[in-house]
Amino acid sequence: MKLTSFFCAVLAALIMIGSSGCIYQSRYESCVRRNLIQLERIQELETALEADRLDADQFRQNYDLLNQKQSLWQRKIDALTASLAAKQALIDQLYEQLGQIALPPELSSKLSDWAQQVGADLVTFDEKTGIVRFKSDLLFEKGSDTVQTNIVGQLESLAEILISDVAQNFDVLVVGHTDDIPIKKPETLAKHPSNWHLSAHRAIAVQKIMAQAQLAPARTAVIGMGNYRPIEPNAAGNKGNPKNRRVEIYIVPAGSIHVSG
């Protein structure tokens, strides 16, 4: 009976030892699997990290390039700003000079006679300031920079006076103006994106006709003022004022229209 108990105890111990070995083996294999999974995850993260490093380097290079371009653009903007300021100063100077120098009596008389012949409905001439002022509503179709056919001859006659001997010591400044009514028609916007464009294009159209009548381009300059120099208040609600829609021709001393390069 005692031997039987002893063998039973030994058998139970062996069974327990075998069971523990199985448990340890299972735990070991589980740890190995976890380690392998972690190693794969580490490799994935390292690969992603390297890719991020490459992206960061590329972004840094792009950033440096953009900074260089921004610096270049800023220099261009500064140069353009300076150029615009110089041109605006010239415009202001020319406006200050307008009417300060009386035209020779013979030239003034010719211009006055010409204006009376053309008619006050289309043009006026101020003998005190030497300003010839055309009404755009009669000079052009609405929203157009094409000079009406029946007006071309009047501009050619004006050019004949300006190329005569009595006007040789003077240059010509053509200035376009509009009211404050915004351009809305798509077909008009395609040619004249703003009132400023329209005023400049109209001034150019007048200058071209006079150039074709032999008024030397070197004696002329063109400015578009848009709606920024009204001679009378525009009506409320963007309804404009016909008197502000005009083309003015200033006769100024030769050489006074000059912009340094």
C-alpha atoms as a PDB file:
ATOM      1  CA  MET A   1       0.000   0.000   0.000  1.00  0.00           C
ATOM      2  CA  LYS A   2       2.841   2.354   0.802  1.00  0.00           C
ATOM      3  CA  LEU A   3       4.599   1.492  -2.493  1.00  0.00           C
ATOM      4  CA  THR A   4       1.501   2.215  -4.420  1.00  0.00           C
ATOM      5  CA  SER A   5       1.194   5.611  -2.796  1.00  0.00           C
ATOM      6  CA  PHE A   6       4.838   6.324  -3.544  1.00  0.00           C
ATOM      7  CA  PHE A   7       4.495   5.446  -7.224  1.00  0.00           C
ATOM      8  CA  CYS A   8       1.353   7.534  -7.455  1.00  0.00           C
ATOM      9  CA  ALA A   9       3.190  10.503  -5.974  1.00  0.00           C
ATOM     10  CA  VAL A  10       6.119  10.082  -8.378  1.00  0.00           C
ATOM     11  CA  LEU A  11       3.728   9.782 -11.317  1.00  0.00           C
ATOM     12  CA  ALA A  12       1.883  12.918 -10.273  1.00  0.00           C
ATOM     13  CA  ALA A  13       5.188  14.812  -9.995  1.00  0.00           C
ATOM     14  CA  LEU A  14       6.250  13.719 -13.464  1.00  0.00           C
ATOM     15  CA  ILE A  15       2.910  14.783 -14.853  1.00  0.00           C
ATOM     16  CA  MET A  16       3.285  18.225 -13.224  1.00  0.00           C
ATOM     17  CA  ILE A  17       6.822  18.630 -14.575  1.00  0.00           C
ATOM     18  CA  GLY A  18       5.637  17.726 -18.101  1.00  0.00           C
ATOM     19  CA  SER A  19       2.761  20.136 -17.859  1.00  0.00           C
ATOM     20  CA  SER A  20       5.054  22.988 -16.738  1.00  0.00           C
ATOM     21  CA  GLY A  21       7.383  22.319 -19.679  1.00  0.00           C
ATOM     22  CA  CYS A  22       4.493  22.654 -22.107  1.00  0.00           C
ATOM     23  CA  ILE A  23       3.418  25.917 -20.489  1.00  0.00           C
ATOM     24  CA  TYR A  24       6.953  27.351 -20.664  1.00  0.00           C
ATOM     25  CA  GLN A  25       7.310  26.248 -24.293  1.00  0.00           C
ATOM     26  CA  SER A  26       4.008  27.922 -25.214  1.00  0.00           C
ATOM     27  CA  ARG A  27       5.017  31.134 -23.485  1.00  0.00           C
ATOM     28  CA  TYR A  28       8.384  31.131 -25.230  1.00  0.00           C
ATOM     29  CA  GLU A  29       6.815  30.679 -28.650  1.00  0.00           C
ATOM     30  CA  SER A  30       4.320  33.467 -27.884  1.00  0.00           C
ATOM     31  CA  CYS A  31       7.168  35.820 -26.944  1.00  0.00           C
ATOM     32  CA  VAL A  32       9.019  34.960 -30.147  1.00  0.00           C
ATOM     33  CA  ARG A  33       5.929  35.746 -32.227  1.00  0.00           C
ATOM     34  CA  ARG A  34       5.458  39.055 -30.418  1.00  0.00           C
ATOM     35  CA  ASN A  35       9.089  39.937 -30.958  1.00  0.00           C
ATOM     36  CA  LEU A  36       8.839  39.149 -34.663  1.00  0.00           C
ATOM     37  CA  ILE A  37       5.729  41.297 -34.957  1.00  0.00           C
ATOM     38  CA  GLN A  38       7.448  44.126 -33.107  1.00  0.00           C
ATOM     39  CA  LEU A  39      10.518  43.833 -35.334  1.00  0.00           C
ATOM     40  CA  GLU A  40       8.320  44.059 -38.437  1.00  0.00           C
ATOM     41  CA  ARG A  41       6.561  47.095 -36.975  1.00  0.00           C
ATOM     42  CA  ILE A  42       9.914  48.697 -36.139  1.00  0.00           C
ATOM     43  CA  GLN A  43      11.088  48.134 -39.707  1.00  0.00           C
ATOM     44  CA  GLU A  44       7.866  49.690 -41.067  1.00  0.00           C
ATOM     45  CA  LEU A  45       8.291  52.707 -38.794  1.00  0.00           C
ATOM     46  CA  GLU A  46      11.948  53.109 -39.742  1.00  0.00           C
ATOM     47  CA  THR A  47      11.010  52.959 -43.442  1.00  0.00           C
ATOM     48  CA  ALA A  48       8.271  55.541 -42.910  1.00  0.00           C
ATOM     49  CA  LEU A  49      10.670  57.692 -40.888  1.00  0.00           C
ATOM     50  CA  GLU A  50      13.233  57.646 -43.701  1.00  0.00           C
ATOM     51  CA  ALA A  51      10.545  58.571 -46.215  1.00  0.00           C
ATOM     52  CA  ASP A  52       9.469  61.458 -43.971  1.00  0.00           C
ATOM     53  CA  ARG A  53      13.092  62.589 -43.706  1.00  0.00           C
ATOM     54  CA  LEU A  54      13.341  62.646 -47.522  1.00  0.00           C
ATOM     55  CA  ASP A  55      10.059  64.563 -47.770  1.00  0.00           C
ATOM     56  CA  ALA A  56      11.279  67.017 -45.134  1.00  0.00           C
ATOM     57  CA  ASP A  57      14.504  67.582 -47.072  1.00  0.00           C
ATOM     58  CA  GLN A  58      12.515  68.146 -50.272  1.00  0.00           C
ATOM     59  CA  PHE A  59      10.147  70.558 -48.545  1.00  0.00           C
ATOM     60  CA  ARG A  60      13.130  72.375 -47.049  1.00  0.00           C
ATOM     61  CA  GLN A  61      14.700  72.726 -50.490  1.00  0.00           C
ATOM     62  CA  ASN A  62      11.393  73.950 -51.932  1.00  0.00           C
ATOM     63  CA  TYR A  63      11.038  76.391 -49.056  1.00  0.00           C
ATOM     64  CA  ASP A  64      14.511  77.789 -49.677  1.00  0.00           C
ATOM     65  CA  LEU A  65      13.715  78.082 -53.399  1.00  0.00           C
ATOM     66  CA  LEU A  66      10.436  79.877 -52.638  1.00  0.00           C
ATOM     67  CA  ASN A  67      12.282  82.269 -50.340  1.00  0.00           C
ATOM     68  CA  GLN A  68      14.702  83.038 -53.165  1.00  0.00           C
ATOM     69  CA  LYS A  69      11.809  83.593 -55.590  1.00  0.00           C
ATOM     70  CA  GLN A  70       9.983  85.707 -53.023  1.00  0.00           C
ATOM     71  CA  SER A  71      13.067  87.868 -52.652  1.00  0.00           C
ATOM     72  CA  LEU A  72      13.282  88.232 -56.440  1.00  0.00           C
ATOM     73  CA  TRP A  73       9.547  89.028 -56.680  1.00  0.00           C
ATOM     74  CA  GLN A  74       9.872  91.596 -53.912  1.00  0.00           C
ATOM     75  CA  ARG A  75      12.697  93.317 -55.795  1.00  0.00           C
ATOM     76  CA  LYS A  76      10.538  93.365 -58.935  1.00  0.00           C
ATOM     77  CA  ILE A  77       7.574  94.726 -56.953  1.00  0.00           C
ATOM     78  CA  ASP A  78       9.795  97.432 -55.459  1.00  0.00           C
ATOM     79  CA  ALA A  79      11.081  98.360 -58.932  1.00  0.00           C
ATOM     80  CA  LEU A  80       7.539  98.502 -60.346  1.00  0.00           C
ATOM     81  CA  THR A  81       6.354 100.536 -57.371  1.00  0.00           C
ATOM     82  CA  ALA A  82       9.180 103.005 -57.923  1.00  0.00           C
ATOM     83  CA  SER A  83       8.345 103.175 -61.638  1.00  0.00           C
ATOM     84  CA  LEU A  84       4.669 103.787 -60.898  1.00  0.00           C
ATOM     85  CA  ALA A  85       5.577 106.474 -58.397  1.00  0.00           C
ATOM     86  CA  ALA A  86       7.778 108.187 -60.995  1.00  0.00           C
ATOM     87  CA  LYS A  87       5.006 108.083 -63.598  1.00  0.00           C
ATOM     88  CA  GLN A  88       2.453 109.379 -61.104  1.00  0.00           C
ATOM     89  CA  ALA A  89       4.838 112.191 -60.188  1.00  0.00           C
ATOM     90  CA  LEU A  90       5.113 113.048 -63.888  1.00  0.00           C
ATOM     91  CA  ILE A  91       1.326 113.087 -64.252  1.00  0.00           C
ATOM     92  CA  ASP A  92       0.977 115.324 -61.210  1.00  0.00           C
ATOM     93  CA  GLN A  93       3.709 117.603 -62.532  1.00  0.00           C
ATOM     94  CA  LEU A  94       2.033 117.872 -65.924  1.00  0.00           C
ATOM     95  CA  TYR A  95      -1.289 118.663 -64.311  1.00  0.00           C
ATOM     96  CA  GLU A  96       0.378 121.373 -62.251  1.00  0.00           C
ATOM     97  CA  GLN A  97       1.886 122.845 -65.392  1.00  0.00           C
ATOM     98  CA  LEU A  98      -1.384 122.879 -67.295  1.00  0.00           C
ATOM     99  CA  GLY A  99      -2.613 126.394 -67.962  1.00  0.00           C
ATOM    100  CA  GLN A 100       0.497 128.010 -66.479  1.00  0.00           C
ATOM    101  CA  ILE A 101       1.943 128.913 -69.880  1.00  0.00           C
ATOM    102  CA  ALA A 102      -0.251 130.806 -72.336  1.00  0.00           C
ATOM    103  CA  LEU A 103      -0.202 129.631 -75.939  1.00  0.00           C
ATOM    104  CA  PRO A 104       1.101 132.006 -78.615  1.00  0.00           C
ATOM    105  CA  PRO A 105      -1.747 134.221 -79.837  1.00  0.00           C
ATOM    106  CA  GLU A 106      -1.580 132.856 -83.392  1.00  0.00           C
ATOM    107  CA  LEU A 107      -1.801 129.222 -82.205  1.00  0.00           C
ATOM    108  CA  SER A 108      -4.565 130.054 -79.725  1.00  0.00           C
ATOM    109  CA  SER A 109      -6.496 131.879 -82.453  1.00  0.00           C
ATOM    110  CA  LYS A 110      -6.250 128.904 -84.835  1.00  0.00           C
ATOM    111  CA  LEU A 111      -7.445 126.500 -82.173  1.00  0.00           C
ATOM    112  CA  SER A 112     -10.303 128.792 -81.201  1.00  0.00           C
ATOM    113  CA  ASP A 113     -11.451 129.120 -84.819  1.00  0.00           C
ATOM    114  CA  TRP A 114     -11.205 125.358 -85.285  1.00  0.00           C
ATOM    115  CA  ALA A 115     -13.290 124.684 -82.135  1.00  0.00           C
ATOM    116  CA  GLN A 116     -15.989 127.110 -83.257  1.00  0.00           C
ATOM    117  CA  GLN A 117     -16.109 125.435 -86.662  1.00  0.00           C
ATOM    118  CA  VAL A 118     -16.428 121.969 -85.126  1.00  0.00           C
ATOM    119  CA  GLY A 119     -19.101 123.124 -82.708  1.00  0.00           C
ATOM    120  CA  ALA A 120     -19.508 123.342 -78.955  1.00  0.00           C
ATOM    121  CA  ASP A 121     -21.647 120.190 -78.931  1.00  0.00           C
ATOM    122  CA  LEU A 122     -18.513 118.145 -79.637  1.00  0.00           C
ATOM    123  CA  VAL A 123     -15.514 120.155 -78.495  1.00  0.00           C
ATOM    124  CA  THR A 124     -14.512 123.148 -76.424  1.00  0.00           C
ATOM    125  CA  PHE A 125     -11.264 125.091 -76.339  1.00  0.00           C
ATOM    126  CA  ASP A 126     -10.148 127.040 -73.288  1.00  0.00           C
ATOM    127  CA  GLU A 127      -7.890 129.880 -74.433  1.00  0.00           C
ATOM    128  CA  LYS A 128      -6.671 130.506 -70.870  1.00  0.00           C
ATOM    129  CA  THR A 129      -5.399 126.982 -70.317  1.00  0.00           C
ATOM    130  CA  GLY A 130      -4.931 125.784 -73.902  1.00  0.00           C
ATOM    131  CA  ILE A 131      -7.066 122.704 -73.241  1.00  0.00           C
ATOM    132  CA  VAL A 132      -9.033 121.084 -76.068  1.00  0.00           C
ATOM    133  CA  ARG A 133     -11.852 118.968 -74.606  1.00  0.00           C
ATOM    134  CA  PHE A 134     -13.852 116.423 -76.616  1.00  0.00           C
ATOM    135  CA  LYS A 135     -17.106 114.933 -75.358  1.00  0.00           C
ATOM    136  CA  SER A 136     -16.703 111.157 -75.454  1.00  0.00           C
ATOM    137  CA  ASP A 137     -20.405 110.503 -75.998  1.00  0.00           C
ATOM    138  CA  LEU A 138     -20.097 112.126 -79.435  1.00  0.00           C
ATOM    139  CA  LEU A 139     -16.540 111.010 -80.132  1.00  0.00           C
ATOM    140  CA  PHE A 140     -17.124 107.279 -79.492  1.00  0.00           C
ATOM    141  CA  GLU A 141     -19.932 104.769 -79.395  1.00  0.00           C
ATOM    142  CA  LYS A 142     -20.900 103.715 -75.866  1.00  0.00           C
ATOM    143  CA  GLY A 143     -18.248 101.406 -74.386  1.00  0.00           C
ATOM    144  CA  SER A 144     -16.113 101.636 -77.542  1.00  0.00           C
ATOM    145  CA  ASP A 145     -12.696 103.087 -78.345  1.00  0.00           C
ATOM    146  CA  THR A 146     -13.425 103.420 -82.068  1.00  0.00           C
ATOM    147  CA  VAL A 147     -13.643 107.064 -83.147  1.00  0.00           C
ATOM    148  CA  GLN A 148     -16.840 107.703 -85.082  1.00  0.00           C
ATOM    149  CA  THR A 149     -16.239 108.169 -88.806  1.00  0.00           C
ATOM    150  CA  ASN A 150     -17.732 111.639 -88.986  1.00  0.00           C
ATOM    151  CA  ILE A 151     -15.328 112.851 -86.273  1.00  0.00           C
ATOM    152  CA  VAL A 152     -12.090 111.604 -87.848  1.00  0.00           C
ATOM    153  CA  GLY A 153     -11.867 114.644 -90.120  1.00  0.00           C
ATOM    154  CA  GLN A 154     -12.101 116.987 -87.127  1.00  0.00           C
ATOM    155  CA  LEU A 155      -9.144 115.286 -85.462  1.00  0.00           C
ATOM    156  CA  GLU A 156      -7.164 115.451 -88.680  1.00  0.00           C
ATOM    157  CA  SER A 157      -7.865 119.190 -88.895  1.00  0.00           C
ATOM    158  CA  LEU A 158      -6.638 119.561 -85.315  1.00  0.00           C
ATOM    159  CA  ALA A 159      -3.474 117.653 -86.203  1.00  0.00           C
ATOM    160  CA  GLU A 160      -2.850 120.047 -89.113  1.00  0.00           C
ATOM    161  CA  ILE A 161      -2.818 122.950 -86.659  1.00  0.00           C
ATOM    162  CA  LEU A 162      -0.528 121.108 -84.264  1.00  0.00           C
ATOM    163  CA  ILE A 163       2.031 120.314 -86.978  1.00  0.00           C
ATOM    164  CA  SER A 164       2.019 123.859 -88.320  1.00  0.00           C
ATOM    165  CA  ASP A 165       4.930 126.220 -87.665  1.00  0.00           C
ATOM    166  CA  VAL A 166       3.074 128.054 -84.888  1.00  0.00           C
ATOM    167  CA  ALA A 167       2.898 124.849 -82.801  1.00  0.00           C
ATOM    168  CA  GLN A 168       6.414 123.489 -83.364  1.00  0.00           C
ATOM    169  CA  ASN A 169       7.544 124.456 -79.869  1.00  0.00           C
ATOM    170  CA  PHE A 170       4.780 122.477 -78.217  1.00  0.00           C
ATOM    171  CA  ASP A 171       4.042 118.818 -77.512  1.00  0.00           C
ATOM    172  CA  VAL A 172       0.647 117.150 -77.153  1.00  0.00           C
ATOM    173  CA  LEU A 173      -0.710 115.213 -74.178  1.00  0.00           C
ATOM    174  CA  VAL A 174      -3.884 113.190 -74.850  1.00  0.00           C
ATOM    175  CA  VAL A 175      -5.795 112.253 -71.690  1.00  0.00           C
ATOM    176  CA  GLY A 176      -8.819 109.959 -71.553  1.00  0.00           C
ATOM    177  CA  HIS A 177     -11.457 110.142 -68.799  1.00  0.00           C
ATOM    178  CA  THR A 178     -14.618 108.182 -67.932  1.00  0.00           C
ATOM    179  CA  ASP A 179     -17.403 108.499 -65.399  1.00  0.00           C
ATOM    180  CA  ASP A 180     -17.774 106.011 -62.536  1.00  0.00           C
ATOM    181  CA  ILE A 181     -20.254 103.650 -64.222  1.00  0.00           C
ATOM    182  CA  PRO A 182     -18.594 100.189 -64.102  1.00  0.00           C
ATOM    183  CA  ILE A 183     -18.246  98.209 -67.311  1.00  0.00           C
ATOM    184  CA  LYS A 184     -20.581  95.195 -67.246  1.00  0.00           C
ATOM    185  CA  LYS A 185     -21.092  93.909 -70.796  1.00  0.00           C
ATOM    186  CA  PRO A 186     -18.894  90.827 -71.381  1.00  0.00           C
ATOM    187  CA  GLU A 187     -18.004  91.900 -74.923  1.00  0.00           C
ATOM    188  CA  THR A 188     -16.882  95.298 -73.630  1.00  0.00           C
ATOM    189  CA  LEU A 189     -14.993  93.816 -70.676  1.00  0.00           C
ATOM    190  CA  ALA A 190     -13.110  91.550 -73.072  1.00  0.00           C
ATOM    191  CA  LYS A 191     -11.582  94.647 -74.730  1.00  0.00           C
ATOM    192  CA  HIS A 192     -11.596  97.070 -71.796  1.00  0.00           C
ATOM    193  CA  PRO A 193     -11.344  95.280 -68.404  1.00  0.00           C
ATOM    194  CA  SER A 194     -11.949  98.513 -66.504  1.00  0.00           C
ATOM    195  CA  ASN A 195     -12.793 102.196 -66.952  1.00  0.00           C
ATOM    196  CA  TRP A 196      -9.094 102.867 -66.639  1.00  0.00           C
ATOM    197  CA  HIS A 197      -8.407 100.667 -69.680  1.00  0.00           C
ATOM    198  CA  LEU A 198     -11.245 102.260 -71.619  1.00  0.00           C
ATOM    199  CA  SER A 199      -9.981 105.788 -70.924  1.00  0.00           C
ATOM    200  CA  ALA A 200      -6.446 104.869 -72.020  1.00  0.00           C
ATOM    201  CA  HIS A 201      -7.666 103.038 -75.128  1.00  0.00           C
ATOM    202  CA  ARG A 202      -9.761 106.032 -76.150  1.00  0.00           C
ATOM    203  CA  ALA A 203      -6.819 108.389 -75.703  1.00  0.00           C
ATOM    204  CA  ILE A 204      -4.684 106.062 -77.809  1.00  0.00           C
ATOM    205  CA  ALA A 205      -7.347 105.984 -80.547  1.00  0.00           C
ATOM    206  CA  VAL A 206      -7.342 109.790 -80.750  1.00  0.00           C
ATOM    207  CA  GLN A 207      -3.541 109.911 -80.789  1.00  0.00           C
ATOM    208  CA  LYS A 208      -3.381 107.328 -83.584  1.00  0.00           C
ATOM    209  CA  ILE A 209      -5.639 109.361 -85.866  1.00  0.00           C
ATOM    210  CA  MET A 210      -3.542 112.469 -85.318  1.00  0.00           C
ATOM    211  CA  ALA A 211      -0.369 110.427 -85.908  1.00  0.00           C
ATOM    212  CA  GLN A 212      -1.827 109.237 -89.222  1.00  0.00           C
ATOM    213  CA  ALA A 213      -2.326 112.932 -90.019  1.00  0.00           C
ATOM    214  CA  GLN A 214       1.459 113.373 -89.571  1.00  0.00           C
ATOM    215  CA  LEU A 215       1.592 114.563 -85.955  1.00  0.00           C
ATOM    216  CA  ALA A 216       4.899 113.002 -84.865  1.00  0.00           C
ATOM    217  CA  PRO A 217       4.426 110.349 -82.140  1.00  0.00           C
ATOM    218  CA  ALA A 218       7.580 111.662 -80.474  1.00  0.00           C
ATOM    219  CA  ARG A 219       5.670 114.870 -79.748  1.00  0.00           C
ATOM    220  CA  THR A 220       2.767 113.070 -78.101  1.00  0.00           C
ATOM    221  CA  ALA A 221       1.991 111.193 -74.906  1.00  0.00           C
ATOM    222  CA  VAL A 222      -1.120 109.303 -73.823  1.00  0.00           C
ATOM    223  CA  ILE A 223      -2.618 108.961 -70.347  1.00  0.00           C
ATOM    224  CA  GLY A 224      -5.737 107.131 -69.141  1.00  0.00           C
ATOM    225  CA  MET A 225      -7.217 108.558 -65.941  1.00  0.00           C
ATOM    226  CA  GLY A 226     -10.315 106.349 -65.738  1.00  0.00           C
ATOM    227  CA  ASN A 227     -12.931 107.864 -63.448  1.00  0.00           C
ATOM    228  CA  TYR A 228     -10.403 109.360 -61.022  1.00  0.00           C
ATOM    229  CA  ARG A 229     -10.364 112.977 -62.314  1.00  0.00           C
ATOM    230  CA  PRO A 230     -14.023 114.013 -62.633  1.00  0.00           C
ATOM    231  CA  ILE A 231     -14.729 117.644 -63.456  1.00  0.00           C
ATOM    232  CA  GLU A 232     -18.190 117.379 -61.895  1.00  0.00           C
ATOM    233  CA  PRO A 233     -19.666 114.992 -59.293  1.00  0.00           C
ATOM    234  CA  ASN A 234     -21.012 111.733 -60.681  1.00  0.00           C
ATOM    235  CA  ALA A 235     -24.638 110.918 -59.915  1.00  0.00           C
ATOM    236  CA  ALA A 236     -25.297 108.618 -56.976  1.00  0.00           C
ATOM    237  CA  GLY A 237     -25.699 104.923 -57.605  1.00  0.00           C
ATOM    238  CA  ASN A 238     -23.063 104.625 -60.353  1.00  0.00           C
ATOM    239  CA  LYS A 239     -25.136 106.690 -62.763  1.00  0.00           C
ATOM    240  CA  GLY A 240     -22.155 108.736 -63.889  1.00  0.00           C
ATOM    241  CA  ASN A 241     -22.073 112.157 -65.468  1.00  0.00           C
ATOM    242  CA  PRO A 242     -21.717 112.789 -69.222  1.00  0.00           C
ATOM    243  CA  LYS A 243     -19.345 115.705 -68.602  1.00  0.00           C
ATOM    244  CA  ASN A 244     -16.842 113.329 -67.010  1.00  0.00           C
ATOM    245  CA  ARG A 245     -16.763 111.157 -70.137  1.00  0.00           C
ATOM    246  CA  ARG A 246     -14.251 113.111 -72.174  1.00  0.00           C
ATOM    247  CA  VAL A 247     -10.915 113.187 -73.991  1.00  0.00           C
ATOM    248  CA  GLU A 248      -8.703 116.176 -73.284  1.00  0.00           C
ATOM    249  CA  ILE A 249      -5.774 117.396 -75.343  1.00  0.00           C
ATOM    250  CA  TYR A 250      -3.195 119.482 -73.530  1.00  0.00           C
ATOM    251  CA  ILE A 251      -0.702 121.535 -75.521  1.00  0.00           C
ATOM    252  CA  VAL A 252       2.462 121.795 -73.404  1.00  0.00           C
ATOM    253  CA  PRO A 253       5.959 123.170 -73.961  1.00  0.00           C
ATOM    254  CA  ALA A 254       8.172 120.909 -76.047  1.00  0.00           C
ATOM    255  CA  GLY A 255      10.286 118.541 -73.957  1.00  0.00           C
ATOM    256  CA  SER A 256       8.102 118.752 -70.864  1.00  0.00           C
ATOM    257  CA  ILE A 257       6.747 115.234 -71.476  1.00  0.00           C
ATOM    258  CA  HIS A 258       9.694 113.145 -70.405  1.00  0.00           C
ATOM    259  CA  VAL A 259      10.287 110.045 -68.273  1.00  0.00           C
ATOM    260  CA  SER A 260      13.804 108.989 -67.417  1.00  0.00           C
ATOM    261  CA  GLY A 261      14.635 105.401 -68.305  1.00  0.00           C
END
